[in-house]
Amino acid sequence: MTTFDKREQGFEAKFVHDEELMFRATARSNKLLGMWAAEQLGLSGDAATRYSTELVTANLDNRTVDDVLGKVSGDLAGKGITPEQVAQKLQEFLHQAVQQLKGPE
């Protein structure tokens, strides 16, 4: 195996690792966003868990971040929470999820 082949395998392994990390971070951040939104909606217990799980599973069905933001923003519109606030929360949760998954450095 040449050095080029080894380097190529290394890049491929890193790509796979990074994609898996982003998939897991997105699922985790959607769950966190769902729990936050459920709290804003006055949901608790099983209802809050169902709401957050729905966001995670909806994303698995090839929905985009915009779909998730649209759903949560629509659900929270009556509570005076703007789409921008929801997007900011999602960014915070995504950053938190990535940090949790990477662990201490």
C-alpha atoms as a PDB file:
ATOM      1  CA  MET A   1       0.000   0.000   0.000  1.00  0.00           C
ATOM      2  CA  THR A   2       1.399   3.363  -0.982  1.00  0.00           C
ATOM      3  CA  THR A   3       1.506   6.489   1.134  1.00  0.00           C
ATOM      4  CA  PHE A   4      -1.140   7.976  -1.138  1.00  0.00           C
ATOM      5  CA  ASP A   5      -3.467   5.015  -0.468  1.00  0.00           C
ATOM      6  CA  LYS A   6      -2.946   5.345   3.278  1.00  0.00           C
ATOM      7  CA  ARG A   7      -3.642   9.063   3.135  1.00  0.00           C
ATOM      8  CA  GLU A   8      -6.778   8.462   1.082  1.00  0.00           C
ATOM      9  CA  GLN A   9      -8.027   5.903   3.616  1.00  0.00           C
ATOM     10  CA  GLY A  10      -7.322   8.370   6.411  1.00  0.00           C
ATOM     11  CA  PHE A  11      -9.357  11.090   4.696  1.00  0.00           C
ATOM     12  CA  GLU A  12     -12.210   8.670   4.050  1.00  0.00           C
ATOM     13  CA  ALA A  13     -12.227   7.534   7.678  1.00  0.00           C
ATOM     14  CA  LYS A  14     -12.259  11.148   8.878  1.00  0.00           C
ATOM     15  CA  PHE A  15     -15.121  11.978   6.518  1.00  0.00           C
ATOM     16  CA  VAL A  16     -17.170   9.044   7.822  1.00  0.00           C
ATOM     17  CA  HIS A  17     -16.401  10.025  11.412  1.00  0.00           C
ATOM     18  CA  ASP A  18     -17.363  13.677  10.807  1.00  0.00           C
ATOM     19  CA  GLU A  19     -20.614  12.712   9.069  1.00  0.00           C
ATOM     20  CA  GLU A  20     -21.551  10.372  11.918  1.00  0.00           C
ATOM     21  CA  LEU A  21     -20.742  13.075  14.452  1.00  0.00           C
ATOM     22  CA  MET A  22     -22.956  15.602  12.648  1.00  0.00           C
ATOM     23  CA  PHE A  23     -25.794  13.091  12.334  1.00  0.00           C
ATOM     24  CA  ARG A  24     -25.670  12.343  16.051  1.00  0.00           C
ATOM     25  CA  ALA A  25     -25.259  16.023  16.965  1.00  0.00           C
ATOM     26  CA  THR A  26     -28.243  16.985  14.820  1.00  0.00           C
ATOM     27  CA  ALA A  27     -30.416  14.311  16.415  1.00  0.00           C
ATOM     28  CA  ARG A  28     -29.307  15.382  19.887  1.00  0.00           C
ATOM     29  CA  SER A  29     -29.833  19.090  19.195  1.00  0.00           C
ATOM     30  CA  ASN A  30     -33.308  18.402  17.792  1.00  0.00           C
ATOM     31  CA  LYS A  31     -34.126  16.472  20.967  1.00  0.00           C
ATOM     32  CA  LEU A  32     -32.866  19.350  23.124  1.00  0.00           C
ATOM     33  CA  LEU A  33     -34.831  21.853  21.030  1.00  0.00           C
ATOM     34  CA  GLY A  34     -37.908  19.671  21.375  1.00  0.00           C
ATOM     35  CA  MET A  35     -37.583  19.541  25.158  1.00  0.00           C
ATOM     36  CA  TRP A  36     -37.117  23.318  25.296  1.00  0.00           C
ATOM     37  CA  ALA A  37     -40.107  23.907  23.010  1.00  0.00           C
ATOM     38  CA  ALA A  38     -42.231  21.466  24.995  1.00  0.00           C
ATOM     39  CA  GLU A  39     -41.443  23.433  28.143  1.00  0.00           C
ATOM     40  CA  GLN A  40     -42.463  26.667  26.391  1.00  0.00           C
ATOM     41  CA  LEU A  41     -45.725  24.981  25.374  1.00  0.00           C
ATOM     42  CA  GLY A  42     -46.398  23.828  28.916  1.00  0.00           C
ATOM     43  CA  LEU A  43     -45.845  20.159  28.137  1.00  0.00           C
ATOM     44  CA  SER A  44     -44.167  17.857  30.613  1.00  0.00           C
ATOM     45  CA  GLY A  45     -43.462  14.195  31.197  1.00  0.00           C
ATOM     46  CA  ASP A  46     -44.500  11.842  28.418  1.00  0.00           C
ATOM     47  CA  ALA A  47     -46.020  14.636  26.326  1.00  0.00           C
ATOM     48  CA  ALA A  48     -42.724  16.551  26.320  1.00  0.00           C
ATOM     49  CA  THR A  49     -40.793  13.390  25.476  1.00  0.00           C
ATOM     50  CA  ARG A  50     -43.167  12.583  22.603  1.00  0.00           C
ATOM     51  CA  TYR A  51     -42.841  16.101  21.214  1.00  0.00           C
ATOM     52  CA  SER A  52     -39.025  16.032  21.276  1.00  0.00           C
ATOM     53  CA  THR A  53     -38.865  12.494  19.889  1.00  0.00           C
ATOM     54  CA  GLU A  54     -41.125  13.579  17.030  1.00  0.00           C
ATOM     55  CA  LEU A  55     -38.597  16.246  16.046  1.00  0.00           C
ATOM     56  CA  VAL A  56     -35.796  13.688  16.012  1.00  0.00           C
ATOM     57  CA  THR A  57     -37.707  11.102  13.998  1.00  0.00           C
ATOM     58  CA  ALA A  58     -39.067  13.734  11.607  1.00  0.00           C
ATOM     59  CA  ASN A  59     -35.487  14.712  10.795  1.00  0.00           C
ATOM     60  CA  LEU A  60     -34.695  11.080  10.005  1.00  0.00           C
ATOM     61  CA  ASP A  61     -37.374  11.159   7.314  1.00  0.00           C
ATOM     62  CA  ASN A  62     -35.135  13.370   5.136  1.00  0.00           C
ATOM     63  CA  ARG A  63     -36.508  16.612   6.483  1.00  0.00           C
ATOM     64  CA  THR A  64     -34.263  19.616   6.629  1.00  0.00           C
ATOM     65  CA  VAL A  65     -33.311  21.913   9.457  1.00  0.00           C
ATOM     66  CA  ASP A  66     -35.726  24.430   7.935  1.00  0.00           C
ATOM     67  CA  ASP A  67     -38.555  21.914   8.371  1.00  0.00           C
ATOM     68  CA  VAL A  68     -37.681  21.445  12.038  1.00  0.00           C
ATOM     69  CA  LEU A  69     -37.416  25.196  12.584  1.00  0.00           C
ATOM     70  CA  GLY A  70     -40.688  25.751  10.754  1.00  0.00           C
ATOM     71  CA  LYS A  71     -42.550  23.233  12.879  1.00  0.00           C
ATOM     72  CA  VAL A  72     -41.208  24.512  16.190  1.00  0.00           C
ATOM     73  CA  SER A  73     -41.640  28.162  15.164  1.00  0.00           C
ATOM     74  CA  GLY A  74     -45.215  27.472  14.147  1.00  0.00           C
ATOM     75  CA  ASP A  75     -45.934  25.688  17.402  1.00  0.00           C
ATOM     76  CA  LEU A  76     -44.435  28.534  19.448  1.00  0.00           C
ATOM     77  CA  ALA A  77     -45.852  31.445  17.444  1.00  0.00           C
ATOM     78  CA  GLY A  78     -48.760  31.799  19.857  1.00  0.00           C
ATOM     79  CA  LYS A  79     -46.329  32.081  22.751  1.00  0.00           C
ATOM     80  CA  GLY A  80     -44.638  35.178  21.322  1.00  0.00           C
ATOM     81  CA  ILE A  81     -41.432  33.335  20.430  1.00  0.00           C
ATOM     82  CA  THR A  82     -40.022  34.403  17.071  1.00  0.00           C
ATOM     83  CA  PRO A  83     -38.521  32.104  14.438  1.00  0.00           C
ATOM     84  CA  GLU A  84     -35.200  33.883  15.014  1.00  0.00           C
ATOM     85  CA  GLN A  85     -35.290  32.943  18.700  1.00  0.00           C
ATOM     86  CA  VAL A  86     -36.007  29.326  17.786  1.00  0.00           C
ATOM     87  CA  ALA A  87     -33.132  29.304  15.277  1.00  0.00           C
ATOM     88  CA  GLN A  88     -30.791  30.761  17.889  1.00  0.00           C
ATOM     89  CA  LYS A  89     -31.823  28.083  20.399  1.00  0.00           C
ATOM     90  CA  LEU A  90     -31.197  25.381  17.809  1.00  0.00           C
ATOM     91  CA  GLN A  91     -27.718  26.785  17.157  1.00  0.00           C
ATOM     92  CA  GLU A  92     -27.000  26.782  20.892  1.00  0.00           C
ATOM     93  CA  PHE A  93     -28.219  23.206  21.220  1.00  0.00           C
ATOM     94  CA  LEU A  94     -26.209  22.077  18.183  1.00  0.00           C
ATOM     95  CA  HIS A  95     -23.055  23.584  19.664  1.00  0.00           C
ATOM     96  CA  GLN A  96     -23.840  21.932  23.003  1.00  0.00           C
ATOM     97  CA  ALA A  97     -24.476  18.571  21.324  1.00  0.00           C
ATOM     98  CA  VAL A  98     -21.206  18.671  19.376  1.00  0.00           C
ATOM     99  CA  GLN A  99     -19.293  19.494  22.550  1.00  0.00           C
ATOM    100  CA  GLN A 100     -21.002  16.635  24.415  1.00  0.00           C
ATOM    101  CA  LEU A 101     -20.241  14.143  21.657  1.00  0.00           C
ATOM    102  CA  LYS A 102     -16.632  15.209  21.256  1.00  0.00           C
ATOM    103  CA  GLY A 103     -16.055  14.968  24.973  1.00  0.00           C
ATOM    104  CA  PRO A 104     -13.270  16.705  26.842  1.00  0.00           C
ATOM    105  CA  GLU A 105     -10.315  17.644  24.723  1.00  0.00           C
END
